[in-house]
């Protein structure tokens, strides 16, 4: 599953995983905490005029199947 993330700082400084973990800081350099939002996509041109739609900005949430978790 892919979830989009909205952040005040994303447009200027990019977005890092640590932005999800750290609490929002008030003040000039701070801002509101990250929120769930739309996934950003970008078209990437391939050979022979093909275009591939790729995730530009998003958080992938991955879960290991329960059957595999308990076999270790």
Protein backbone atom coordinates (compact mmCIF):
# COMPACT_ATOMS: atom_id res chain seq x y z
CA UNK A 1 0.00 0.00 0.00
CA UNK A 2 1.29 3.48 -0.83
CA UNK A 3 0.23 6.52 1.19
CA UNK A 4 0.92 10.12 0.28
CA UNK A 5 2.35 12.48 2.87
CA UNK A 6 1.78 16.23 3.08
CA UNK A 7 4.32 18.38 4.89
CA UNK A 8 5.00 22.12 5.05
CA UNK A 9 8.70 21.50 4.46
CA UNK A 10 8.31 19.00 1.60
CA UNK A 11 8.26 21.61 -1.15
CA UNK A 12 11.45 23.35 0.03
CA UNK A 13 13.60 20.78 1.81
CA UNK A 14 12.14 17.44 0.80
CA UNK A 15 10.59 14.88 3.09
CA UNK A 16 12.38 12.32 5.26
CA UNK A 17 11.18 9.37 7.29
CA UNK A 18 12.36 11.13 10.45
CA UNK A 19 9.78 13.86 9.75
CA UNK A 20 7.10 11.28 10.63
CA UNK A 21 8.80 10.39 13.92
CA UNK A 22 9.71 13.82 15.29
CA UNK A 23 6.99 15.99 16.85
CA UNK A 24 6.11 19.23 15.08
CA UNK A 25 8.11 22.23 16.31
CA UNK A 26 6.48 25.64 16.63
CA UNK A 27 8.26 28.71 15.36
CA UNK A 28 9.79 29.96 12.13
CA UNK A 29 11.57 26.71 11.18
CA UNK A 30 8.77 24.50 12.48
CA UNK A 31 5.36 23.87 11.04
CA UNK A 32 2.42 21.56 11.19
CA UNK A 33 2.99 17.82 11.51
CA UNK A 34 2.95 15.64 8.36
CA UNK A 35 -0.52 14.55 7.25
CA UNK A 36 -1.84 11.80 5.00
CA UNK A 37 -2.42 13.11 1.50
CA UNK A 38 -2.27 12.13 -2.16
CA UNK A 39 0.62 10.13 -3.60
CA UNK A 40 2.69 12.15 -6.09
CA UNK A 41 3.44 10.50 -9.43
CA UNK A 42 5.78 11.34 -12.30
CA UNK A 43 5.90 10.05 -15.89
CA UNK A 44 9.27 8.58 -16.86
CA UNK A 45 10.07 8.23 -20.56
CA UNK A 46 11.47 4.89 -21.64
CA UNK A 47 12.83 3.70 -24.96
CA UNK A 48 10.54 3.54 -27.99
CA UNK A 49 8.23 6.32 -26.75
CA UNK A 50 6.94 4.24 -23.82
CA UNK A 51 6.07 6.08 -20.61
CA UNK A 52 6.11 4.53 -17.13
CA UNK A 53 4.12 6.06 -14.27
CA UNK A 54 6.31 6.06 -11.11
CA UNK A 55 5.83 7.19 -7.51
CA UNK A 56 7.65 10.48 -6.94
CA UNK A 57 6.68 10.93 -3.31
CA UNK A 58 4.92 8.38 -1.13
CA UNK A 59 5.32 6.13 1.86
CA UNK A 60 5.17 2.39 1.17
CA UNK A 61 3.55 0.40 3.97
CA UNK A 62 4.64 -3.25 3.77
CA UNK A 63 3.57 -6.13 5.96
CA UNK A 64 5.05 -9.59 5.97
CA UNK A 65 2.40 -12.34 5.57
CA UNK A 66 1.48 -13.94 8.90
CA UNK A 67 2.41 -17.40 7.61
CA UNK A 68 6.03 -16.31 7.07
CA UNK A 69 6.37 -14.43 10.37
CA UNK A 70 6.00 -17.50 12.54
CA UNK A 71 8.26 -19.90 10.58
CA UNK A 72 11.53 -18.37 11.75
